[in-house]
Amino acid sequence: MCAKVLLIDDDRDFRTSVKSLLESSGYQVAEADSGHAGLLKVLEYKPHVIVLDIMMESSTEGYGVTYALKYLDEYAEFRGIPVFMVSSIKESPDERFPMSAEVEMIRPDRYLTKPLDIPRFLQLLEKAVASGVATD
Protein backbone atom coordinates (compact mmCIF):
# COMPACT_ATOMS: atom_id res chain seq x y z
CA MET A 1 0.00 0.00 0.00
CA CYS A 2 2.68 2.51 0.91
CA ALA A 3 6.44 2.68 1.07
CA LYS A 4 8.22 1.99 4.35
CA VAL A 5 10.85 4.48 5.50
CA LEU A 6 13.37 3.80 8.25
CA LEU A 7 14.49 6.97 9.99
CA ILE A 8 17.84 6.58 11.82
CA ASP A 9 18.77 9.68 13.85
CA ASP A 10 19.65 10.30 17.50
CA ASP A 11 17.76 13.62 17.59
CA ARG A 12 14.28 12.81 18.90
CA ASP A 13 12.83 16.16 17.76
CA PHE A 14 14.13 15.63 14.22
CA ARG A 15 12.72 12.10 14.12
CA THR A 16 9.35 13.26 15.42
CA SER A 17 9.02 16.07 12.89
CA VAL A 18 10.21 14.01 9.91
CA LYS A 19 8.04 11.06 10.93
CA SER A 20 5.00 13.35 11.10
CA LEU A 21 5.85 14.84 7.71
CA LEU A 22 6.33 11.44 6.08
CA GLU A 23 3.22 9.88 7.61
CA SER A 24 1.14 12.84 6.46
CA SER A 25 2.55 12.18 2.98
CA GLY A 26 1.43 8.54 3.07
CA TYR A 27 4.60 6.74 4.15
CA GLN A 28 4.92 4.15 6.91
CA VAL A 29 7.77 5.13 9.22
CA ALA A 30 9.90 3.21 11.71
CA GLU A 31 12.55 4.85 13.84
CA ALA A 32 15.93 4.04 15.37
CA ASP A 33 18.04 6.31 17.55
CA SER A 34 21.48 4.88 16.70
CA GLY A 35 23.32 3.19 13.89
CA HIS A 36 23.36 -0.14 15.70
CA ALA A 37 19.62 0.01 16.41
CA GLY A 38 19.05 1.10 12.81
CA LEU A 39 20.89 -1.89 11.37
CA LEU A 40 18.85 -4.23 13.57
CA LYS A 41 15.66 -2.45 12.45
CA VAL A 42 16.64 -2.89 8.76
CA LEU A 43 16.58 -6.66 9.24
CA GLU A 44 13.22 -6.55 11.04
CA TYR A 45 11.36 -3.77 9.20
CA LYS A 46 12.69 -4.28 5.64
CA PRO A 47 12.33 -0.63 4.63
CA HIS A 48 12.07 0.67 1.08
CA VAL A 49 14.10 3.81 1.90
CA ILE A 50 16.48 4.72 4.74
CA VAL A 51 16.91 8.28 6.04
CA LEU A 52 20.15 8.39 8.01
CA ASP A 53 22.09 10.90 10.11
CA ILE A 54 25.90 10.90 10.23
CA MET A 55 26.69 12.05 13.76
CA MET A 56 25.03 9.92 16.42
CA GLU A 57 26.95 7.91 19.04
CA SER A 58 30.12 8.81 17.11
CA SER A 59 30.88 11.57 14.62
CA THR A 60 30.99 9.08 11.73
CA GLU A 61 28.34 6.52 12.71
CA GLY A 62 26.14 7.09 9.66
CA TYR A 63 29.06 6.28 7.39
CA GLY A 64 29.45 2.95 9.22
CA VAL A 65 25.79 2.15 8.61
CA THR A 66 26.13 2.97 4.92
CA TYR A 67 29.23 0.77 4.68
CA ALA A 68 27.45 -2.11 6.44
CA LEU A 69 24.46 -1.90 4.11
CA LYS A 70 26.69 -1.90 1.02
CA TYR A 71 29.28 -4.50 1.99
CA LEU A 72 28.33 -6.79 4.88
CA ASP A 73 26.84 -10.12 3.85
CA GLU A 74 24.05 -10.01 6.44
CA TYR A 75 22.61 -6.95 4.65
CA ALA A 76 23.09 -8.22 1.07
CA GLU A 77 19.34 -8.33 0.37
CA PHE A 78 19.09 -4.63 1.29
CA ARG A 79 21.85 -3.27 -0.98
CA GLY A 80 19.31 -1.78 -3.37
CA ILE A 81 17.57 0.30 -0.70
CA PRO A 82 18.11 4.02 -1.34
CA VAL A 83 19.98 5.69 1.53
CA PHE A 84 19.26 9.37 2.12
CA MET A 85 21.94 10.79 4.39
CA VAL A 86 20.67 13.90 6.17
CA SER A 87 23.14 15.83 8.29
CA SER A 88 24.09 19.23 9.65
CA ILE A 89 27.51 18.64 8.05
CA LYS A 90 27.40 20.82 4.94
CA GLU A 91 29.97 18.83 2.95
CA SER A 92 28.93 15.60 1.25
CA PRO A 93 31.23 12.59 1.73
CA ASP A 94 32.85 13.37 -1.65
CA GLU A 95 33.57 16.95 -0.55
CA ARG A 96 34.62 15.97 2.97
CA PHE A 97 36.99 13.19 1.86
CA PRO A 98 38.08 14.27 -1.64
CA MET A 99 41.35 12.34 -1.67
CA SER A 100 39.98 9.10 -0.23
CA ALA A 101 39.73 6.15 -2.57
CA GLU A 102 37.31 4.56 -0.09
CA VAL A 103 34.66 7.32 -0.30
CA GLU A 104 32.58 5.04 -2.57
CA MET A 105 32.23 2.67 0.38
CA ILE A 106 30.34 5.26 2.45
CA ARG A 107 28.60 7.34 -0.23
CA PRO A 108 24.81 7.47 0.20
CA ASP A 109 22.38 7.61 -2.71
CA ARG A 110 21.35 11.15 -1.71
CA TYR A 111 23.03 13.66 0.59
CA LEU A 112 20.86 16.39 2.12
CA THR A 113 21.62 18.95 4.80
CA LYS A 114 19.71 20.07 7.86
CA PRO A 115 17.49 21.95 8.03
CA LEU A 116 15.76 19.95 5.34
CA ASP A 117 14.42 21.55 2.21
CA ILE A 118 11.06 19.82 2.68
CA PRO A 119 9.68 20.08 -0.90
CA ARG A 120 12.99 18.81 -2.35
CA PHE A 121 13.23 16.02 0.22
CA LEU A 122 9.71 14.80 -0.53
CA GLN A 123 10.29 15.05 -4.29
CA LEU A 124 13.52 13.01 -4.08
CA LEU A 125 11.88 10.47 -1.79
CA GLU A 126 8.92 10.06 -4.12
CA LYS A 127 11.29 9.65 -7.07
CA ALA A 128 13.29 6.99 -5.22
CA VAL A 129 10.14 5.06 -4.37
CA ALA A 130 8.75 5.37 -7.89
CA SER A 131 11.97 4.18 -9.53
CA GLY A 132 11.43 0.56 -8.79
CA VAL A 133 10.98 0.23 -5.09
CA ALA A 134 8.14 -2.23 -4.62
CA THR A 135 5.64 -1.29 -1.96
CA ASP A 136 3.56 -3.61 0.16
C-alpha atoms as a PDB file:
ATOM      1  CA  MET A   1       0.000   0.000   0.000  1.00  0.00           C
ATOM      2  CA  CYS A   2       2.677   2.510   0.912  1.00  0.00           C
ATOM      3  CA  ALA A   3       6.437   2.681   1.074  1.00  0.00           C
ATOM      4  CA  LYS A   4       8.224   1.992   4.352  1.00  0.00           C
ATOM      5  CA  VAL A   5      10.848   4.485   5.503  1.00  0.00           C
ATOM      6  CA  LEU A   6      13.367   3.798   8.250  1.00  0.00           C
ATOM      7  CA  LEU A   7      14.489   6.973   9.994  1.00  0.00           C
ATOM      8  CA  ILE A   8      17.840   6.583  11.825  1.00  0.00           C
ATOM      9  CA  ASP A   9      18.772   9.675  13.853  1.00  0.00           C
ATOM     10  CA  ASP A  10      19.649  10.300  17.503  1.00  0.00           C
ATOM     11  CA  ASP A  11      17.761  13.615  17.586  1.00  0.00           C
ATOM     12  CA  ARG A  12      14.283  12.808  18.896  1.00  0.00           C
ATOM     13  CA  ASP A  13      12.834  16.156  17.761  1.00  0.00           C
ATOM     14  CA  PHE A  14      14.131  15.631  14.222  1.00  0.00           C
ATOM     15  CA  ARG A  15      12.721  12.095  14.116  1.00  0.00           C
ATOM     16  CA  THR A  16       9.352  13.260  15.418  1.00  0.00           C
ATOM     17  CA  SER A  17       9.022  16.075  12.892  1.00  0.00           C
ATOM     18  CA  VAL A  18      10.208  14.014   9.907  1.00  0.00           C
ATOM     19  CA  LYS A  19       8.038  11.059  10.933  1.00  0.00           C
ATOM     20  CA  SER A  20       5.001  13.350  11.102  1.00  0.00           C
ATOM     21  CA  LEU A  21       5.846  14.842   7.706  1.00  0.00           C
ATOM     22  CA  LEU A  22       6.328  11.435   6.085  1.00  0.00           C
ATOM     23  CA  GLU A  23       3.225   9.876   7.609  1.00  0.00           C
ATOM     24  CA  SER A  24       1.135  12.838   6.461  1.00  0.00           C
ATOM     25  CA  SER A  25       2.552  12.180   2.976  1.00  0.00           C
ATOM     26  CA  GLY A  26       1.426   8.543   3.067  1.00  0.00           C
ATOM     27  CA  TYR A  27       4.601   6.737   4.147  1.00  0.00           C
ATOM     28  CA  GLN A  28       4.921   4.150   6.909  1.00  0.00           C
ATOM     29  CA  VAL A  29       7.773   5.130   9.220  1.00  0.00           C
ATOM     30  CA  ALA A  30       9.902   3.207  11.705  1.00  0.00           C
ATOM     31  CA  GLU A  31      12.548   4.854  13.844  1.00  0.00           C
ATOM     32  CA  ALA A  32      15.927   4.042  15.367  1.00  0.00           C
ATOM     33  CA  ASP A  33      18.043   6.307  17.552  1.00  0.00           C
ATOM     34  CA  SER A  34      21.481   4.879  16.703  1.00  0.00           C
ATOM     35  CA  GLY A  35      23.321   3.192  13.885  1.00  0.00           C
ATOM     36  CA  HIS A  36      23.356  -0.142  15.695  1.00  0.00           C
ATOM     37  CA  ALA A  37      19.617   0.009  16.411  1.00  0.00           C
ATOM     38  CA  GLY A  38      19.045   1.097  12.805  1.00  0.00           C
ATOM     39  CA  LEU A  39      20.892  -1.889  11.370  1.00  0.00           C
ATOM     40  CA  LEU A  40      18.848  -4.231  13.568  1.00  0.00           C
ATOM     41  CA  LYS A  41      15.664  -2.447  12.445  1.00  0.00           C
ATOM     42  CA  VAL A  42      16.638  -2.891   8.762  1.00  0.00           C
ATOM     43  CA  LEU A  43      16.577  -6.664   9.239  1.00  0.00           C
ATOM     44  CA  GLU A  44      13.221  -6.552  11.041  1.00  0.00           C
ATOM     45  CA  TYR A  45      11.359  -3.771   9.196  1.00  0.00           C
ATOM     46  CA  LYS A  46      12.686  -4.283   5.641  1.00  0.00           C
ATOM     47  CA  PRO A  47      12.334  -0.628   4.626  1.00  0.00           C
ATOM     48  CA  HIS A  48      12.068   0.670   1.082  1.00  0.00           C
ATOM     49  CA  VAL A  49      14.100   3.814   1.903  1.00  0.00           C
ATOM     50  CA  ILE A  50      16.477   4.718   4.743  1.00  0.00           C
ATOM     51  CA  VAL A  51      16.908   8.279   6.042  1.00  0.00           C
ATOM     52  CA  LEU A  52      20.152   8.391   8.011  1.00  0.00           C
ATOM     53  CA  ASP A  53      22.087  10.904  10.112  1.00  0.00           C
ATOM     54  CA  ILE A  54      25.901  10.898  10.227  1.00  0.00           C
ATOM     55  CA  MET A  55      26.687  12.053  13.762  1.00  0.00           C
ATOM     56  CA  MET A  56      25.030   9.920  16.423  1.00  0.00           C
ATOM     57  CA  GLU A  57      26.949   7.911  19.039  1.00  0.00           C
ATOM     58  CA  SER A  58      30.121   8.809  17.115  1.00  0.00           C
ATOM     59  CA  SER A  59      30.882  11.569  14.617  1.00  0.00           C
ATOM     60  CA  THR A  60      30.991   9.083  11.725  1.00  0.00           C
ATOM     61  CA  GLU A  61      28.342   6.522  12.705  1.00  0.00           C
ATOM     62  CA  GLY A  62      26.144   7.086   9.657  1.00  0.00           C
ATOM     63  CA  TYR A  63      29.063   6.281   7.388  1.00  0.00           C
ATOM     64  CA  GLY A  64      29.452   2.951   9.216  1.00  0.00           C
ATOM     65  CA  VAL A  65      25.787   2.155   8.613  1.00  0.00           C
ATOM     66  CA  THR A  66      26.130   2.975   4.918  1.00  0.00           C
ATOM     67  CA  TYR A  67      29.228   0.775   4.679  1.00  0.00           C
ATOM     68  CA  ALA A  68      27.449  -2.115   6.444  1.00  0.00           C
ATOM     69  CA  LEU A  69      24.462  -1.898   4.108  1.00  0.00           C
ATOM     70  CA  LYS A  70      26.694  -1.902   1.016  1.00  0.00           C
ATOM     71  CA  TYR A  71      29.285  -4.502   1.986  1.00  0.00           C
ATOM     72  CA  LEU A  72      28.332  -6.790   4.878  1.00  0.00           C
ATOM     73  CA  ASP A  73      26.841 -10.124   3.853  1.00  0.00           C
ATOM     74  CA  GLU A  74      24.051 -10.008   6.442  1.00  0.00           C
ATOM     75  CA  TYR A  75      22.615  -6.946   4.646  1.00  0.00           C
ATOM     76  CA  ALA A  76      23.095  -8.216   1.072  1.00  0.00           C
ATOM     77  CA  GLU A  77      19.342  -8.329   0.374  1.00  0.00           C
ATOM     78  CA  PHE A  78      19.091  -4.628   1.294  1.00  0.00           C
ATOM     79  CA  ARG A  79      21.847  -3.268  -0.981  1.00  0.00           C
ATOM     80  CA  GLY A  80      19.308  -1.777  -3.370  1.00  0.00           C
ATOM     81  CA  ILE A  81      17.572   0.298  -0.700  1.00  0.00           C
ATOM     82  CA  PRO A  82      18.111   4.018  -1.344  1.00  0.00           C
ATOM     83  CA  VAL A  83      19.976   5.690   1.525  1.00  0.00           C
ATOM     84  CA  PHE A  84      19.257   9.372   2.118  1.00  0.00           C
ATOM     85  CA  MET A  85      21.936  10.785   4.390  1.00  0.00           C
ATOM     86  CA  VAL A  86      20.666  13.904   6.171  1.00  0.00           C
ATOM     87  CA  SER A  87      23.145  15.831   8.288  1.00  0.00           C
ATOM     88  CA  SER A  88      24.088  19.229   9.650  1.00  0.00           C
ATOM     89  CA  ILE A  89      27.512  18.644   8.049  1.00  0.00           C
ATOM     90  CA  LYS A  90      27.398  20.821   4.943  1.00  0.00           C
ATOM     91  CA  GLU A  91      29.969  18.829   2.949  1.00  0.00           C
ATOM     92  CA  SER A  92      28.932  15.604   1.245  1.00  0.00           C
ATOM     93  CA  PRO A  93      31.230  12.591   1.727  1.00  0.00           C
ATOM     94  CA  ASP A  94      32.850  13.371  -1.648  1.00  0.00           C
ATOM     95  CA  GLU A  95      33.573  16.950  -0.546  1.00  0.00           C
ATOM     96  CA  ARG A  96      34.624  15.968   2.974  1.00  0.00           C
ATOM     97  CA  PHE A  97      36.990  13.190   1.862  1.00  0.00           C
ATOM     98  CA  PRO A  98      38.081  14.274  -1.642  1.00  0.00           C
ATOM     99  CA  MET A  99      41.348  12.336  -1.668  1.00  0.00           C
ATOM    100  CA  SER A 100      39.982   9.101  -0.228  1.00  0.00           C
ATOM    101  CA  ALA A 101      39.729   6.147  -2.568  1.00  0.00           C
ATOM    102  CA  GLU A 102      37.308   4.561  -0.088  1.00  0.00           C
ATOM    103  CA  VAL A 103      34.658   7.317  -0.297  1.00  0.00           C
ATOM    104  CA  GLU A 104      32.583   5.039  -2.566  1.00  0.00           C
ATOM    105  CA  MET A 105      32.229   2.671   0.383  1.00  0.00           C
ATOM    106  CA  ILE A 106      30.336   5.259   2.447  1.00  0.00           C
ATOM    107  CA  ARG A 107      28.603   7.338  -0.234  1.00  0.00           C
ATOM    108  CA  PRO A 108      24.809   7.465   0.196  1.00  0.00           C
ATOM    109  CA  ASP A 109      22.383   7.614  -2.712  1.00  0.00           C
ATOM    110  CA  ARG A 110      21.350  11.147  -1.705  1.00  0.00           C
ATOM    111  CA  TYR A 111      23.028  13.664   0.589  1.00  0.00           C
ATOM    112  CA  LEU A 112      20.865  16.387   2.121  1.00  0.00           C
ATOM    113  CA  THR A 113      21.615  18.945   4.797  1.00  0.00           C
ATOM    114  CA  LYS A 114      19.707  20.065   7.856  1.00  0.00           C
ATOM    115  CA  PRO A 115      17.494  21.949   8.026  1.00  0.00           C
ATOM    116  CA  LEU A 116      15.755  19.949   5.340  1.00  0.00           C
ATOM    117  CA  ASP A 117      14.421  21.554   2.206  1.00  0.00           C
ATOM    118  CA  ILE A 118      11.056  19.823   2.676  1.00  0.00           C
ATOM    119  CA  PRO A 119       9.680  20.075  -0.897  1.00  0.00           C
ATOM    120  CA  ARG A 120      12.991  18.809  -2.351  1.00  0.00           C
ATOM    121  CA  PHE A 121      13.235  16.017   0.221  1.00  0.00           C
ATOM    122  CA  LEU A 122       9.708  14.803  -0.531  1.00  0.00           C
ATOM    123  CA  GLN A 123      10.289  15.045  -4.286  1.00  0.00           C
ATOM    124  CA  LEU A 124      13.516  13.011  -4.082  1.00  0.00           C
ATOM    125  CA  LEU A 125      11.882  10.468  -1.793  1.00  0.00           C
ATOM    126  CA  GLU A 126       8.920  10.064  -4.124  1.00  0.00           C
ATOM    127  CA  LYS A 127      11.285   9.649  -7.072  1.00  0.00           C
ATOM    128  CA  ALA A 128      13.295   6.989  -5.217  1.00  0.00           C
ATOM    129  CA  VAL A 129      10.142   5.058  -4.368  1.00  0.00           C
ATOM    130  CA  ALA A 130       8.751   5.370  -7.886  1.00  0.00           C
ATOM    131  CA  SER A 131      11.965   4.183  -9.533  1.00  0.00           C
ATOM    132  CA  GLY A 132      11.429   0.556  -8.795  1.00  0.00           C
ATOM    133  CA  VAL A 133      10.985   0.227  -5.086  1.00  0.00           C
ATOM    134  CA  ALA A 134       8.140  -2.226  -4.622  1.00  0.00           C
ATOM    135  CA  THR A 135       5.643  -1.291  -1.957  1.00  0.00           C
ATOM    136  CA  ASP A 136       3.562  -3.614   0.157  1.00  0.00           C
END
